[in-house]
Amino acid sequence: MFTGTKYVTQGIRREVPSFLQLILWCFIESMNAPEKDFLQVFELSPTMVNGKTKQRIVHMQEQPPFQQVYVICARQIVTKKIYVVDDQQHCTMLCSDEY
């Protein structure tokens, strides 16, 4: 799963910095789960760590259950829910409001 051609929607291009898009793709490729669901979900939000605002990323899938939380440094903090869908030929990253 998630080995096909990768695409991002206009909403992702407009609202999510490219470095963060790459990080999300890397999280999918490196996830430690027995299987990957065709739908990967990311919830992005700000979080405070030692008085500094950081980017919080919660990576989830339904089947089999998987959840991983990351906190990274970022210049632009994004608050957004993102879906990544694999249809076995293409992988598409889109904002939840584009679904």
PDB file of N, CA and C in Angstrom:
ATOM      1  N   MET A   1       0.835  -1.193   0.000  1.00  0.00           N
ATOM      2  CA  MET A   1       0.000   0.000   0.000  1.00  0.00           C
ATOM      3  C   MET A   1       0.878   1.255   0.000  1.00  0.00           C
ATOM      4  N   PHE A   2       0.344   2.289  -0.578  1.00  0.00           N
ATOM      5  CA  PHE A   2       0.971   3.610  -0.644  1.00  0.00           C
ATOM      6  C   PHE A   2       2.293   3.600  -1.409  1.00  0.00           C
ATOM      7  N   THR A   3       2.346   2.760  -2.445  1.00  0.00           N
ATOM      8  CA  THR A   3       3.534   2.730  -3.290  1.00  0.00           C
ATOM      9  C   THR A   3       3.272   3.332  -4.664  1.00  0.00           C
ATOM     10  N   GLY A   4       2.014   3.670  -4.952  1.00  0.00           N
ATOM     11  CA  GLY A   4       1.661   4.243  -6.250  1.00  0.00           C
ATOM     12  C   GLY A   4       2.072   5.699  -6.369  1.00  0.00           C
ATOM     13  N   THR A   5       1.722   6.290  -7.484  1.00  0.00           N
ATOM     14  CA  THR A   5       1.998   7.703  -7.730  1.00  0.00           C
ATOM     15  C   THR A   5       1.292   8.549  -6.681  1.00  0.00           C
ATOM     16  N   LYS A   6       1.993   9.536  -6.152  1.00  0.00           N
ATOM     17  CA  LYS A   6       1.451  10.370  -5.078  1.00  0.00           C
ATOM     18  C   LYS A   6       0.940  11.701  -5.627  1.00  0.00           C
ATOM     19  N   TYR A   7      -0.248  12.087  -5.160  1.00  0.00           N
ATOM     20  CA  TYR A   7      -0.870  13.344  -5.565  1.00  0.00           C
ATOM     21  C   TYR A   7      -1.307  14.117  -4.333  1.00  0.00           C
ATOM     22  N   VAL A   8      -1.355  15.434  -4.460  1.00  0.00           N
ATOM     23  CA  VAL A   8      -1.933  16.289  -3.424  1.00  0.00           C
ATOM     24  C   VAL A   8      -2.973  17.187  -4.088  1.00  0.00           C
ATOM     25  N   THR A   9      -4.011  17.519  -3.344  1.00  0.00           N
ATOM     26  CA  THR A   9      -5.076  18.366  -3.876  1.00  0.00           C
ATOM     27  C   THR A   9      -4.684  19.838  -3.783  1.00  0.00           C
ATOM     28  N   GLN A  10      -5.490  20.683  -4.410  1.00  0.00           N
ATOM     29  CA  GLN A  10      -5.261  22.133  -4.340  1.00  0.00           C
ATOM     30  C   GLN A  10      -5.312  22.619  -2.894  1.00  0.00           C
ATOM     31  N   GLY A  11      -6.228  22.072  -2.099  1.00  0.00           N
ATOM     32  CA  GLY A  11      -6.330  22.473  -0.696  1.00  0.00           C
ATOM     33  C   GLY A  11      -5.057  22.183   0.074  1.00  0.00           C
ATOM     34  N   ILE A  12      -4.465  21.030  -0.160  1.00  0.00           N
ATOM     35  CA  ILE A  12      -3.198  20.682   0.497  1.00  0.00           C
ATOM     36  C   ILE A  12      -2.102  21.629   0.024  1.00  0.00           C
ATOM     37  N   ARG A  13      -2.011  21.854  -1.278  1.00  0.00           N
ATOM     38  CA  ARG A  13      -0.982  22.771  -1.811  1.00  0.00           C
ATOM     39  C   ARG A  13      -1.099  24.157  -1.198  1.00  0.00           C
ATOM     40  N   ARG A  14      -2.331  24.596  -1.024  1.00  0.00           N
ATOM     41  CA  ARG A  14      -2.593  25.947  -0.542  1.00  0.00           C
ATOM     42  C   ARG A  14      -2.386  26.082   0.977  1.00  0.00           C
ATOM     43  N   GLU A  15      -2.727  25.041   1.742  1.00  0.00           N
ATOM     44  CA  GLU A  15      -2.807  25.183   3.196  1.00  0.00           C
ATOM     45  C   GLU A  15      -1.740  24.445   3.996  1.00  0.00           C
ATOM     46  N   VAL A  16      -1.008  23.536   3.366  1.00  0.00           N
ATOM     47  CA  VAL A  16      -0.020  22.736   4.101  1.00  0.00           C
ATOM     48  C   VAL A  16       1.351  22.939   3.464  1.00  0.00           C
ATOM     49  N   PRO A  17       2.329  23.453   4.232  1.00  0.00           N
ATOM     50  CA  PRO A  17       3.672  23.664   3.671  1.00  0.00           C
ATOM     51  C   PRO A  17       4.248  22.363   3.106  1.00  0.00           C
ATOM     52  N   SER A  18       5.044  22.492   2.056  1.00  0.00           N
ATOM     53  CA  SER A  18       5.574  21.309   1.371  1.00  0.00           C
ATOM     54  C   SER A  18       6.419  20.431   2.292  1.00  0.00           C
ATOM     55  N   PHE A  19       7.175  21.029   3.214  1.00  0.00           N
ATOM     56  CA  PHE A  19       7.990  20.205   4.114  1.00  0.00           C
ATOM     57  C   PHE A  19       7.091  19.324   4.982  1.00  0.00           C
ATOM     58  N   LEU A  20       5.932  19.855   5.371  1.00  0.00           N
ATOM     59  CA  LEU A  20       5.005  19.089   6.197  1.00  0.00           C
ATOM     60  C   LEU A  20       4.334  17.982   5.375  1.00  0.00           C
ATOM     61  N   GLN A  21       4.044  18.251   4.120  1.00  0.00           N
ATOM     62  CA  GLN A  21       3.509  17.212   3.230  1.00  0.00           C
ATOM     63  C   GLN A  21       4.493  16.040   3.146  1.00  0.00           C
ATOM     64  N   LEU A  22       5.766  16.361   2.960  1.00  0.00           N
ATOM     65  CA  LEU A  22       6.795  15.313   2.865  1.00  0.00           C
ATOM     66  C   LEU A  22       6.899  14.505   4.152  1.00  0.00           C
ATOM     67  N   ILE A  23       6.792  15.185   5.280  1.00  0.00           N
ATOM     68  CA  ILE A  23       6.842  14.491   6.569  1.00  0.00           C
ATOM     69  C   ILE A  23       5.686  13.507   6.690  1.00  0.00           C
ATOM     70  N   LEU A  24       4.488  13.922   6.277  1.00  0.00           N
ATOM     71  CA  LEU A  24       3.331  13.025   6.362  1.00  0.00           C
ATOM     72  C   LEU A  24       3.519  11.792   5.478  1.00  0.00           C
ATOM     73  N   TRP A  25       4.031  11.995   4.251  1.00  0.00           N
ATOM     74  CA  TRP A  25       4.315  10.839   3.384  1.00  0.00           C
ATOM     75  C   TRP A  25       5.324   9.910   4.064  1.00  0.00           C
ATOM     76  N   CYS A  26       6.356  10.483   4.687  1.00  0.00           N
ATOM     77  CA  CYS A  26       7.380   9.670   5.372  1.00  0.00           C
ATOM     78  C   CYS A  26       6.789   8.902   6.548  1.00  0.00           C
ATOM     79  N   PHE A  27       5.869   9.541   7.291  1.00  0.00           N
ATOM     80  CA  PHE A  27       5.230   8.848   8.412  1.00  0.00           C
ATOM     81  C   PHE A  27       4.465   7.619   7.923  1.00  0.00           C
ATOM     82  N   ILE A  28       3.801   7.735   6.782  1.00  0.00           N
ATOM     83  CA  ILE A  28       3.068   6.585   6.232  1.00  0.00           C
ATOM     84  C   ILE A  28       4.050   5.485   5.834  1.00  0.00           C
ATOM     85  N   GLU A  29       5.116   5.861   5.144  1.00  0.00           N
ATOM     86  CA  GLU A  29       6.087   4.870   4.673  1.00  0.00           C
ATOM     87  C   GLU A  29       6.777   4.145   5.821  1.00  0.00           C
ATOM     88  N   SER A  30       7.001   4.848   6.926  1.00  0.00           N
ATOM     89  CA  SER A  30       7.770   4.264   8.027  1.00  0.00           C
ATOM     90  C   SER A  30       6.914   3.777   9.194  1.00  0.00           C
ATOM     91  N   MET A  31       5.589   3.795   9.048  1.00  0.00           N
ATOM     92  CA  MET A  31       4.733   3.433  10.182  1.00  0.00           C
ATOM     93  C   MET A  31       4.954   1.992  10.618  1.00  0.00           C
ATOM     94  N   ASN A  32       4.916   1.809  11.934  1.00  0.00           N
ATOM     95  CA  ASN A  32       5.147   0.506  12.539  1.00  0.00           C
ATOM     96  C   ASN A  32       3.792  -0.137  12.838  1.00  0.00           C
ATOM     97  N   ALA A  33       3.189  -0.720  11.814  1.00  0.00           N
ATOM     98  CA  ALA A  33       1.892  -1.382  11.954  1.00  0.00           C
ATOM     99  C   ALA A  33       1.929  -2.659  11.117  1.00  0.00           C
ATOM    100  N   PRO A  34       1.210  -3.694  11.549  1.00  0.00           N
ATOM    101  CA  PRO A  34       1.230  -4.949  10.793  1.00  0.00           C
ATOM    102  C   PRO A  34       0.687  -4.802   9.373  1.00  0.00           C
ATOM    103  N   GLU A  35      -0.290  -3.929   9.194  1.00  0.00           N
ATOM    104  CA  GLU A  35      -0.864  -3.648   7.879  1.00  0.00           C
ATOM    105  C   GLU A  35      -1.198  -2.171   7.801  1.00  0.00           C
ATOM    106  N   LYS A  36      -1.259  -1.663   6.583  1.00  0.00           N
ATOM    107  CA  LYS A  36      -1.678  -0.282   6.372  1.00  0.00           C
ATOM    108  C   LYS A  36      -3.085  -0.273   5.803  1.00  0.00           C
ATOM    109  N   ASP A  37      -3.945   0.510   6.420  1.00  0.00           N
ATOM    110  CA  ASP A  37      -5.301   0.716   5.928  1.00  0.00           C
ATOM    111  C   ASP A  37      -5.232   1.600   4.688  1.00  0.00           C
ATOM    112  N   PHE A  38      -6.204   1.486   3.798  1.00  0.00           N
ATOM    113  CA  PHE A  38      -6.223   2.318   2.588  1.00  0.00           C
ATOM    114  C   PHE A  38      -6.438   3.788   2.918  1.00  0.00           C
ATOM    115  N   LEU A  39      -6.935   4.069   4.131  1.00  0.00           N
ATOM    116  CA  LEU A  39      -7.177   5.447   4.565  1.00  0.00           C
ATOM    117  C   LEU A  39      -6.316   5.760   5.774  1.00  0.00           C
ATOM    118  N   GLN A  40      -5.412   6.715   5.613  1.00  0.00           N
ATOM    119  CA  GLN A  40      -4.594   7.214   6.715  1.00  0.00           C
ATOM    120  C   GLN A  40      -5.116   8.598   7.086  1.00  0.00           C
ATOM    121  N   VAL A  41      -5.194   8.878   8.384  1.00  0.00           N
ATOM    122  CA  VAL A  41      -5.743  10.139   8.869  1.00  0.00           C
ATOM    123  C   VAL A  41      -4.686  10.845   9.705  1.00  0.00           C
ATOM    124  N   PHE A  42      -4.543  12.148   9.461  1.00  0.00           N
ATOM    125  CA  PHE A  42      -3.639  12.985  10.245  1.00  0.00           C
ATOM    126  C   PHE A  42      -4.431  14.150  10.820  1.00  0.00           C
ATOM    127  N   GLU A  43      -4.305  14.377  12.117  1.00  0.00           N
ATOM    128  CA  GLU A  43      -4.889  15.552  12.748  1.00  0.00           C
ATOM    129  C   GLU A  43      -3.739  16.451  13.177  1.00  0.00           C
ATOM    130  N   LEU A  44      -3.696  17.641  12.602  1.00  0.00           N
ATOM    131  CA  LEU A  44      -2.632  18.603  12.875  1.00  0.00           C
ATOM    132  C   LEU A  44      -3.176  19.708  13.765  1.00  0.00           C
ATOM    133  N   SER A  45      -2.396  20.070  14.785  1.00  0.00           N
ATOM    134  CA  SER A  45      -2.815  21.123  15.707  1.00  0.00           C
ATOM    135  C   SER A  45      -1.587  21.693  16.413  1.00  0.00           C
ATOM    136  N   PRO A  46      -1.734  22.898  16.988  1.00  0.00           N
ATOM    137  CA  PRO A  46      -0.627  23.460  17.760  1.00  0.00           C
ATOM    138  C   PRO A  46      -0.577  22.838  19.156  1.00  0.00           C
ATOM    139  N   THR A  47       0.620  22.793  19.722  1.00  0.00           N
ATOM    140  CA  THR A  47       0.787  22.362  21.102  1.00  0.00           C
ATOM    141  C   THR A  47       1.936  23.162  21.708  1.00  0.00           C
ATOM    142  N   MET A  48       1.884  23.370  23.006  1.00  0.00           N
ATOM    143  CA  MET A  48       2.938  24.117  23.697  1.00  0.00           C
ATOM    144  C   MET A  48       3.914  23.141  24.349  1.00  0.00           C
ATOM    145  N   VAL A  49       5.203  23.364  24.107  1.00  0.00           N
ATOM    146  CA  VAL A  49       6.259  22.566  24.717  1.00  0.00           C
ATOM    147  C   VAL A  49       7.304  23.536  25.242  1.00  0.00           C
ATOM    148  N   ASN A  50       7.486  23.560  26.549  1.00  0.00           N
ATOM    149  CA  ASN A  50       8.451  24.467  27.183  1.00  0.00           C
ATOM    150  C   ASN A  50       8.242  25.915  26.750  1.00  0.00           C
ATOM    151  N   GLY A  51       6.987  26.337  26.679  1.00  0.00           N
ATOM    152  CA  GLY A  51       6.672  27.721  26.340  1.00  0.00           C
ATOM    153  C   GLY A  51       6.759  28.059  24.864  1.00  0.00           C
ATOM    154  N   LYS A  52       7.009  27.077  24.021  1.00  0.00           N
ATOM    155  CA  LYS A  52       7.100  27.317  22.575  1.00  0.00           C
ATOM    156  C   LYS A  52       6.005  26.536  21.851  1.00  0.00           C
ATOM    157  N   THR A  53       5.452  27.156  20.818  1.00  0.00           N
ATOM    158  CA  THR A  53       4.417  26.494  20.029  1.00  0.00           C
ATOM    159  C   THR A  53       5.060  25.543  19.027  1.00  0.00           C
ATOM    160  N   LYS A  54       4.600  24.316  19.036  1.00  0.00           N
ATOM    161  CA  LYS A  54       5.106  23.274  18.133  1.00  0.00           C
ATOM    162  C   LYS A  54       3.938  22.699  17.337  1.00  0.00           C
ATOM    163  N   GLN A  55       4.278  21.967  16.294  1.00  0.00           N
ATOM    164  CA  GLN A  55       3.264  21.291  15.480  1.00  0.00           C
ATOM    165  C   GLN A  55       3.026  19.903  16.047  1.00  0.00           C
ATOM    166  N   ARG A  56       1.789  19.619  16.401  1.00  0.00           N
ATOM    167  CA  ARG A  56       1.395  18.287  16.877  1.00  0.00           C
ATOM    168  C   ARG A  56       0.726  17.558  15.720  1.00  0.00           C
ATOM    169  N   ILE A  57       1.143  16.310  15.494  1.00  0.00           N
ATOM    170  CA  ILE A  57       0.593  15.493  14.414  1.00  0.00           C
ATOM    171  C   ILE A  57       0.156  14.159  15.013  1.00  0.00           C
ATOM    172  N   VAL A  58      -1.127  13.858  14.884  1.00  0.00           N
ATOM    173  CA  VAL A  58      -1.642  12.556  15.304  1.00  0.00           C
ATOM    174  C   VAL A  58      -1.933  11.764  14.032  1.00  0.00           C
ATOM    175  N   HIS A  59      -1.261  10.643  13.879  1.00  0.00           N
ATOM    176  CA  HIS A  59      -1.402   9.774  12.701  1.00  0.00           C
ATOM    177  C   HIS A  59      -2.225   8.563  13.120  1.00  0.00           C
ATOM    178  N   MET A  60      -3.332   8.300  12.395  1.00  0.00           N
ATOM    179  CA  MET A  60      -4.242   7.221  12.768  1.00  0.00           C
ATOM    180  C   MET A  60      -4.690   6.421  11.551  1.00  0.00           C
ATOM    181  N   GLN A  61      -5.112   5.185  11.835  1.00  0.00           N
ATOM    182  CA  GLN A  61      -5.852   4.378  10.870  1.00  0.00           C
ATOM    183  C   GLN A  61      -6.824   3.525  11.671  1.00  0.00           C
ATOM    184  N   GLU A  62      -7.895   3.049  10.990  1.00  0.00           N
ATOM    185  CA  GLU A  62      -8.919   2.262  11.684  1.00  0.00           C
ATOM    186  C   GLU A  62      -8.584   0.780  11.756  1.00  0.00           C
ATOM    187  N   GLN A  63      -8.221   0.167  10.612  1.00  0.00           N
ATOM    188  CA  GLN A  63      -8.014  -1.278  10.566  1.00  0.00           C
ATOM    189  C   GLN A  63      -6.667  -1.627   9.954  1.00  0.00           C
ATOM    190  N   PRO A  64      -5.794  -2.313  10.640  1.00  0.00           N
ATOM    191  CA  PRO A  64      -5.871  -2.562  12.076  1.00  0.00           C
ATOM    192  C   PRO A  64      -5.631  -1.262  12.836  1.00  0.00           C
ATOM    193  N   PRO A  65      -6.126  -1.175  14.060  1.00  0.00           N
ATOM    194  CA  PRO A  65      -5.988   0.076  14.819  1.00  0.00           C
ATOM    195  C   PRO A  65      -4.526   0.502  14.951  1.00  0.00           C
ATOM    196  N   PHE A  66      -4.322   1.789  14.736  1.00  0.00           N
ATOM    197  CA  PHE A  66      -2.973   2.365  14.828  1.00  0.00           C
ATOM    198  C   PHE A  66      -3.117   3.832  15.190  1.00  0.00           C
ATOM    199  N   GLN A  67      -2.254   4.287  16.096  1.00  0.00           N
ATOM    200  CA  GLN A  67      -2.176   5.719  16.388  1.00  0.00           C
ATOM    201  C   GLN A  67      -0.772   6.046  16.869  1.00  0.00           C
ATOM    202  N   GLN A  68      -0.230   7.115  16.331  1.00  0.00           N
ATOM    203  CA  GLN A  68       1.095   7.602  16.715  1.00  0.00           C
ATOM    204  C   GLN A  68       1.026   9.118  16.795  1.00  0.00           C
ATOM    205  N   VAL A  69       1.622   9.684  17.844  1.00  0.00           N
ATOM    206  CA  VAL A  69       1.634  11.139  18.021  1.00  0.00           C
ATOM    207  C   VAL A  69       3.060  11.643  17.859  1.00  0.00           C
ATOM    208  N   TYR A  70       3.204  12.704  17.069  1.00  0.00           N
ATOM    209  CA  TYR A  70       4.495  13.343  16.845  1.00  0.00           C
ATOM    210  C   TYR A  70       4.375  14.814  17.223  1.00  0.00           C
ATOM    211  N   VAL A  71       5.452  15.387  17.720  1.00  0.00           N
ATOM    212  CA  VAL A  71       5.536  16.826  17.962  1.00  0.00           C
ATOM    213  C   VAL A  71       6.825  17.296  17.303  1.00  0.00           C
ATOM    214  N   ILE A  72       6.687  18.253  16.377  1.00  0.00           N
ATOM    215  CA  ILE A  72       7.846  18.727  15.624  1.00  0.00           C
ATOM    216  C   ILE A  72       7.913  20.249  15.652  1.00  0.00           C
ATOM    217  N   CYS A  73       9.083  20.781  15.378  1.00  0.00           N
ATOM    218  CA  CYS A  73       9.251  22.225  15.218  1.00  0.00           C
ATOM    219  C   CYS A  73       8.784  22.610  13.817  1.00  0.00           C
ATOM    220  N   ALA A  74       8.108  23.746  13.728  1.00  0.00           N
ATOM    221  CA  ALA A  74       7.655  24.230  12.425  1.00  0.00           C
ATOM    222  C   ALA A  74       7.495  25.739  12.491  1.00  0.00           C
ATOM    223  N   ARG A  75       7.821  26.409  11.406  1.00  0.00           N
ATOM    224  CA  ARG A  75       7.625  27.862  11.341  1.00  0.00           C
ATOM    225  C   ARG A  75       6.155  28.206  11.190  1.00  0.00           C
ATOM    226  N   GLN A  76       5.463  27.423  10.379  1.00  0.00           N
ATOM    227  CA  GLN A  76       4.037  27.641  10.147  1.00  0.00           C
ATOM    228  C   GLN A  76       3.270  26.484  10.777  1.00  0.00           C
ATOM    229  N   ILE A  77       2.472  26.790  11.803  1.00  0.00           N
ATOM    230  CA  ILE A  77       1.687  25.770  12.485  1.00  0.00           C
ATOM    231  C   ILE A  77       0.345  25.629  11.775  1.00  0.00           C
ATOM    232  N   VAL A  78      -0.030  24.397  11.494  1.00  0.00           N
ATOM    233  CA  VAL A  78      -1.259  24.113  10.753  1.00  0.00           C
ATOM    234  C   VAL A  78      -2.257  23.422  11.681  1.00  0.00           C
ATOM    235  N   THR A  79      -3.514  23.846  11.590  1.00  0.00           N
ATOM    236  CA  THR A  79      -4.606  23.165  12.279  1.00  0.00           C
ATOM    237  C   THR A  79      -5.521  22.608  11.198  1.00  0.00           C
ATOM    238  N   LYS A  80      -5.500  21.295  11.024  1.00  0.00           N
ATOM    239  CA  LYS A  80      -6.222  20.712   9.889  1.00  0.00           C
ATOM    240  C   LYS A  80      -6.297  19.203  10.059  1.00  0.00           C
ATOM    241  N   LYS A  81      -7.366  18.618   9.526  1.00  0.00           N
ATOM    242  CA  LYS A  81      -7.477  17.158   9.424  1.00  0.00           C
ATOM    243  C   LYS A  81      -7.197  16.799   7.972  1.00  0.00           C
ATOM    244  N   ILE A  82      -6.318  15.822   7.787  1.00  0.00           N
ATOM    245  CA  ILE A  82      -5.869  15.433   6.449  1.00  0.00           C
ATOM    246  C   ILE A  82      -6.092  13.937   6.262  1.00  0.00           C
ATOM    247  N   TYR A  83      -6.597  13.590   5.079  1.00  0.00           N
ATOM    248  CA  TYR A  83      -6.753  12.192   4.698  1.00  0.00           C
ATOM    249  C   TYR A  83      -5.736  11.862   3.610  1.00  0.00           C
ATOM    250  N   VAL A  84      -5.215  10.644   3.666  1.00  0.00           N
ATOM    251  CA  VAL A  84      -4.398  10.120   2.572  1.00  0.00           C
ATOM    252  C   VAL A  84      -5.035   8.793   2.167  1.00  0.00           C
ATOM    253  N   VAL A  85      -5.462   8.720   0.907  1.00  0.00           N
ATOM    254  CA  VAL A  85      -6.219   7.576   0.404  1.00  0.00           C
ATOM    255  C   VAL A  85      -5.397   6.847  -0.660  1.00  0.00           C
ATOM    256  N   ASP A  86      -5.343   5.523  -0.535  1.00  0.00           N
ATOM    257  CA  ASP A  86      -4.665   4.683  -1.525  1.00  0.00           C
ATOM    258  C   ASP A  86      -5.725   3.874  -2.270  1.00  0.00           C
ATOM    259  N   ASP A  87      -5.834   4.088  -3.588  1.00  0.00           N
ATOM    260  CA  ASP A  87      -6.803   3.324  -4.388  1.00  0.00           C
ATOM    261  C   ASP A  87      -6.104   2.214  -5.185  1.00  0.00           C
ATOM    262  N   GLN A  88      -4.914   1.843  -4.781  1.00  0.00           N
ATOM    263  CA  GLN A  88      -4.071   0.793  -5.353  1.00  0.00           C
ATOM    264  C   GLN A  88      -3.344   1.208  -6.623  1.00  0.00           C
ATOM    265  N   GLN A  89      -3.682   2.346  -7.197  1.00  0.00           N
ATOM    266  CA  GLN A  89      -2.935   2.885  -8.331  1.00  0.00           C
ATOM    267  C   GLN A  89      -2.355   4.248  -8.001  1.00  0.00           C
ATOM    268  N   HIS A  90      -3.086   5.008  -7.187  1.00  0.00           N
ATOM    269  CA  HIS A  90      -2.688   6.365  -6.827  1.00  0.00           C
ATOM    270  C   HIS A  90      -2.843   6.558  -5.324  1.00  0.00           C
ATOM    271  N   CYS A  91      -2.050   7.452  -4.777  1.00  0.00           N
ATOM    272  CA  CYS A  91      -2.173   7.857  -3.383  1.00  0.00           C
ATOM    273  C   CYS A  91      -2.468   9.351  -3.393  1.00  0.00           C
ATOM    274  N   THR A  92      -3.548   9.744  -2.740  1.00  0.00           N
ATOM    275  CA  THR A  92      -3.966  11.141  -2.771  1.00  0.00           C
ATOM    276  C   THR A  92      -4.058  11.699  -1.363  1.00  0.00           C
ATOM    277  N   MET A  93      -3.404  12.847  -1.151  1.00  0.00           N
ATOM    278  CA  MET A  93      -3.473  13.570   0.115  1.00  0.00           C
ATOM    279  C   MET A  93      -4.459  14.719  -0.065  1.00  0.00           C
ATOM    280  N   LEU A  94      -5.460  14.784   0.825  1.00  0.00           N
ATOM    281  CA  LEU A  94      -6.470  15.828   0.710  1.00  0.00           C
ATOM    282  C   LEU A  94      -6.919  16.305   2.078  1.00  0.00           C
ATOM    283  N   CYS A  95      -7.404  17.542   2.127  1.00  0.00           N
ATOM    284  CA  CYS A  95      -7.979  18.097   3.346  1.00  0.00           C
ATOM    285  C   CYS A  95      -9.318  17.410   3.593  1.00  0.00           C
ATOM    286  N   SER A  96      -9.684  17.242   4.860  1.00  0.00           N
ATOM    287  CA  SER A  96     -10.936  16.546   5.171  1.00  0.00           C
ATOM    288  C   SER A  96     -12.142  17.242   4.561  1.00  0.00           C
ATOM    289  N   ASP A  97     -12.090  18.563   4.400  1.00  0.00           N
ATOM    290  CA  ASP A  97     -13.231  19.276   3.816  1.00  0.00           C
ATOM    291  C   ASP A  97     -13.288  19.135   2.292  1.00  0.00           C
ATOM    292  N   GLU A  98     -12.304  18.464   1.696  1.00  0.00           N
ATOM    293  CA  GLU A  98     -12.318  18.194   0.256  1.00  0.00           C
ATOM    294  C   GLU A  98     -12.838  16.786  -0.046  1.00  0.00           C
ATOM    295  N   TYR A  99     -13.081  16.002   0.982  1.00  0.00           N
ATOM    296  CA  TYR A  99     -13.476  14.594   0.817  1.00  0.00           C
ATOM    297  C   TYR A  99     -14.903  14.483   0.342  1.00  0.00           C
TER     298      TYR A  99
END
